[in-house]
N, C-alpha and C. Protein backbone atom coordinates (compact mmCIF):
# COMPACT_ATOMS: atom_id res chain seq x y z
N MET A 1 109.38 92.56 33.70
CA MET A 1 108.48 91.67 34.42
C MET A 1 107.24 92.41 34.92
N GLY A 2 107.41 93.65 35.36
CA GLY A 2 106.30 94.44 35.87
C GLY A 2 105.26 94.74 34.80
N ILE A 3 105.71 94.97 33.57
CA ILE A 3 104.79 95.28 32.47
C ILE A 3 103.92 94.07 32.16
N ILE A 4 104.50 92.89 32.21
CA ILE A 4 103.74 91.67 31.95
C ILE A 4 102.66 91.49 33.00
N VAL A 5 102.99 91.74 34.26
CA VAL A 5 102.00 91.63 35.33
C VAL A 5 100.89 92.65 35.13
N TRP A 6 101.24 93.89 34.74
CA TRP A 6 100.23 94.92 34.47
C TRP A 6 99.29 94.47 33.37
N LEU A 7 99.85 93.89 32.30
CA LEU A 7 99.01 93.42 31.19
C LEU A 7 98.08 92.30 31.62
N ILE A 8 98.59 91.38 32.41
CA ILE A 8 97.77 90.26 32.87
C ILE A 8 96.66 90.77 33.80
N VAL A 9 97.03 91.61 34.77
CA VAL A 9 96.05 92.17 35.70
C VAL A 9 95.04 93.01 34.93
N GLY A 10 95.52 93.83 34.00
CA GLY A 10 94.62 94.65 33.19
C GLY A 10 93.68 93.82 32.35
N ALA A 11 94.19 92.73 31.79
CA ALA A 11 93.34 91.86 30.98
C ALA A 11 92.24 91.22 31.82
N ILE A 12 92.61 90.73 32.99
CA ILE A 12 91.62 90.10 33.87
C ILE A 12 90.59 91.12 34.33
N ALA A 13 91.06 92.27 34.80
CA ALA A 13 90.15 93.29 35.32
C ALA A 13 89.28 93.86 34.21
N GLY A 14 89.86 94.11 33.04
CA GLY A 14 89.08 94.64 31.93
C GLY A 14 88.04 93.66 31.44
N TRP A 15 88.41 92.39 31.38
CA TRP A 15 87.46 91.36 30.95
C TRP A 15 86.30 91.25 31.94
N LEU A 16 86.63 91.23 33.24
CA LEU A 16 85.59 91.16 34.26
C LEU A 16 84.68 92.39 34.21
N ALA A 17 85.28 93.56 34.03
CA ALA A 17 84.49 94.78 33.96
C ALA A 17 83.59 94.78 32.72
N GLY A 18 84.10 94.26 31.61
CA GLY A 18 83.29 94.14 30.40
C GLY A 18 82.11 93.22 30.59
N MET A 19 82.29 92.18 31.42
CA MET A 19 81.19 91.26 31.71
C MET A 19 80.14 91.92 32.62
N VAL A 20 80.60 92.74 33.56
CA VAL A 20 79.68 93.38 34.50
C VAL A 20 78.92 94.52 33.84
N VAL A 21 79.63 95.36 33.09
CA VAL A 21 79.01 96.50 32.42
C VAL A 21 78.63 96.03 31.02
N LYS A 22 77.42 95.54 30.87
CA LYS A 22 76.97 95.00 29.59
C LYS A 22 77.00 96.06 28.51
N GLY A 23 77.49 95.68 27.35
CA GLY A 23 77.55 96.60 26.22
C GLY A 23 78.69 97.60 26.32
N GLY A 24 79.53 97.45 27.33
CA GLY A 24 80.62 98.40 27.51
C GLY A 24 81.96 97.85 27.14
N GLY A 25 82.02 96.60 26.68
CA GLY A 25 83.30 95.99 26.34
C GLY A 25 83.84 96.53 25.03
N PHE A 26 85.15 96.51 24.90
CA PHE A 26 85.81 97.03 23.70
C PHE A 26 86.68 95.97 23.04
N GLY A 27 86.40 94.70 23.25
CA GLY A 27 87.25 93.65 22.72
C GLY A 27 88.42 93.42 23.65
N LEU A 28 89.25 92.44 23.35
CA LEU A 28 90.33 92.05 24.24
C LEU A 28 91.33 93.17 24.46
N ILE A 29 91.84 93.77 23.39
CA ILE A 29 92.84 94.83 23.53
C ILE A 29 92.24 96.04 24.23
N GLY A 30 91.04 96.42 23.86
CA GLY A 30 90.37 97.55 24.51
C GLY A 30 90.12 97.29 25.98
N ASP A 31 89.72 96.06 26.31
CA ASP A 31 89.49 95.71 27.71
C ASP A 31 90.79 95.73 28.51
N ILE A 32 91.89 95.30 27.90
CA ILE A 32 93.19 95.36 28.58
C ILE A 32 93.55 96.82 28.88
N ILE A 33 93.35 97.68 27.89
CA ILE A 33 93.67 99.11 28.08
C ILE A 33 92.77 99.71 29.16
N VAL A 34 91.47 99.40 29.10
CA VAL A 34 90.54 99.91 30.11
C VAL A 34 90.92 99.38 31.49
N GLY A 35 91.34 98.12 31.58
CA GLY A 35 91.75 97.54 32.86
C GLY A 35 93.00 98.21 33.42
N ILE A 36 93.97 98.50 32.54
CA ILE A 36 95.19 99.16 33.00
C ILE A 36 94.89 100.59 33.44
N VAL A 37 94.14 101.33 32.63
CA VAL A 37 93.78 102.71 33.00
C VAL A 37 92.91 102.70 34.25
N GLY A 38 91.99 101.76 34.33
CA GLY A 38 91.16 101.64 35.53
C GLY A 38 91.98 101.31 36.76
N GLY A 39 93.00 100.49 36.60
CA GLY A 39 93.91 100.19 37.71
C GLY A 39 94.67 101.41 38.18
N LEU A 40 95.09 102.24 37.22
CA LEU A 40 95.78 103.48 37.58
C LEU A 40 94.84 104.43 38.31
N ILE A 41 93.62 104.55 37.79
CA ILE A 41 92.63 105.42 38.43
C ILE A 41 92.32 104.93 39.84
N ALA A 42 92.02 103.65 39.97
CA ALA A 42 91.67 103.10 41.28
C ALA A 42 92.87 103.11 42.22
N GLY A 43 94.07 102.87 41.69
CA GLY A 43 95.27 102.90 42.53
C GLY A 43 95.52 104.28 43.12
N TRP A 44 95.09 105.30 42.43
CA TRP A 44 95.24 106.66 42.95
C TRP A 44 94.02 107.07 43.77
N LEU A 45 92.82 106.77 43.26
CA LEU A 45 91.60 107.27 43.86
C LEU A 45 91.24 106.59 45.18
N LEU A 46 91.30 105.27 45.22
CA LEU A 46 90.84 104.55 46.42
C LEU A 46 91.64 104.90 47.67
N PRO A 47 92.98 104.93 47.63
CA PRO A 47 93.71 105.34 48.84
C PRO A 47 93.48 106.82 49.18
N THR A 48 93.25 107.65 48.16
CA THR A 48 93.03 109.07 48.40
C THR A 48 91.74 109.31 49.20
N ILE A 49 90.71 108.54 48.90
CA ILE A 49 89.44 108.71 49.63
C ILE A 49 89.38 107.85 50.89
N GLY A 50 90.49 107.18 51.21
CA GLY A 50 90.56 106.40 52.44
C GLY A 50 89.94 105.03 52.34
N PHE A 51 90.00 104.41 51.16
CA PHE A 51 89.40 103.10 50.96
C PHE A 51 90.42 102.15 50.32
N PRO A 52 91.50 101.83 51.06
CA PRO A 52 92.51 100.94 50.48
C PRO A 52 91.99 99.50 50.40
N ILE A 53 92.44 98.80 49.36
CA ILE A 53 92.06 97.40 49.15
C ILE A 53 93.27 96.54 49.52
N ALA A 54 93.08 95.26 49.66
CA ALA A 54 94.14 94.32 50.04
C ALA A 54 95.36 94.44 49.13
N ALA A 55 96.51 94.11 49.66
CA ALA A 55 97.75 94.17 48.90
C ALA A 55 97.93 92.88 48.11
N GLY A 56 98.91 92.88 47.23
CA GLY A 56 99.21 91.69 46.45
C GLY A 56 98.47 91.68 45.12
N ILE A 57 98.61 90.57 44.41
CA ILE A 57 98.04 90.46 43.07
C ILE A 57 96.51 90.47 43.12
N VAL A 58 95.92 89.87 44.14
CA VAL A 58 94.47 89.86 44.27
C VAL A 58 93.96 91.28 44.51
N GLY A 59 94.65 92.03 45.35
CA GLY A 59 94.28 93.42 45.60
C GLY A 59 94.41 94.27 44.35
N GLN A 60 95.44 94.02 43.54
CA GLN A 60 95.62 94.74 42.29
C GLN A 60 94.48 94.44 41.33
N ILE A 61 94.08 93.19 41.25
CA ILE A 61 92.97 92.82 40.36
C ILE A 61 91.68 93.48 40.83
N ILE A 62 91.44 93.49 42.13
CA ILE A 62 90.22 94.12 42.66
C ILE A 62 90.25 95.62 42.39
N ASP A 63 91.40 96.26 42.66
CA ASP A 63 91.55 97.69 42.37
C ASP A 63 91.30 97.98 40.89
N SER A 64 91.95 97.22 40.03
CA SER A 64 91.80 97.43 38.60
C SER A 64 90.38 97.19 38.14
N PHE A 65 89.74 96.19 38.70
CA PHE A 65 88.36 95.89 38.36
C PHE A 65 87.44 97.05 38.73
N ILE A 66 87.58 97.57 39.95
CA ILE A 66 86.75 98.69 40.39
C ILE A 66 86.99 99.89 39.49
N GLY A 67 88.25 100.19 39.22
CA GLY A 67 88.57 101.32 38.34
C GLY A 67 88.06 101.12 36.93
N ALA A 68 88.16 99.90 36.40
CA ALA A 68 87.71 99.62 35.04
C ALA A 68 86.19 99.73 34.93
N VAL A 69 85.48 99.27 35.96
CA VAL A 69 84.02 99.39 35.95
C VAL A 69 83.62 100.86 35.97
N ILE A 70 84.27 101.65 36.82
CA ILE A 70 83.98 103.09 36.88
C ILE A 70 84.27 103.72 35.53
N LEU A 71 85.42 103.39 34.94
CA LEU A 71 85.79 103.95 33.65
C LEU A 71 84.82 103.54 32.55
N LEU A 72 84.40 102.28 32.51
CA LEU A 72 83.44 101.84 31.50
C LEU A 72 82.10 102.54 31.65
N ILE A 73 81.65 102.74 32.88
CA ILE A 73 80.38 103.44 33.10
C ILE A 73 80.48 104.88 32.61
N ILE A 74 81.60 105.54 32.91
CA ILE A 74 81.80 106.92 32.46
C ILE A 74 81.85 106.99 30.93
N ILE A 75 82.57 106.05 30.32
CA ILE A 75 82.66 106.03 28.86
C ILE A 75 81.29 105.80 28.24
N ARG A 76 80.52 104.90 28.83
CA ARG A 76 79.17 104.62 28.33
C ARG A 76 78.26 105.82 28.45
N LEU A 77 78.38 106.58 29.54
CA LEU A 77 77.56 107.77 29.71
C LEU A 77 77.95 108.85 28.71
N ILE A 78 79.23 108.96 28.43
CA ILE A 78 79.70 109.97 27.47
C ILE A 78 79.27 109.62 26.05
N LYS A 79 79.28 108.33 25.71
CA LYS A 79 78.89 107.90 24.37
C LYS A 79 77.43 108.18 24.07
N ARG A 80 76.59 108.23 25.08
CA ARG A 80 75.15 108.48 24.88
C ARG A 80 75.00 109.86 24.48
């Protein structure tokens, strides 16, 4: 059950991040992967720097979105 939630949250966050970072989308599967990795990054990074986000599914989506946007920007800078 947890994996399904991760995929759904990752898909939503990756899709939103792809919309925000123009030209940084990688298609549906790529956006899901970026959303999941971004969620892991944000889940570790945000509490570490003292910036926790709300709990629950909405908080997970926000965390994943922030992480996915950061990850897409980094990937875009590296590709240049």
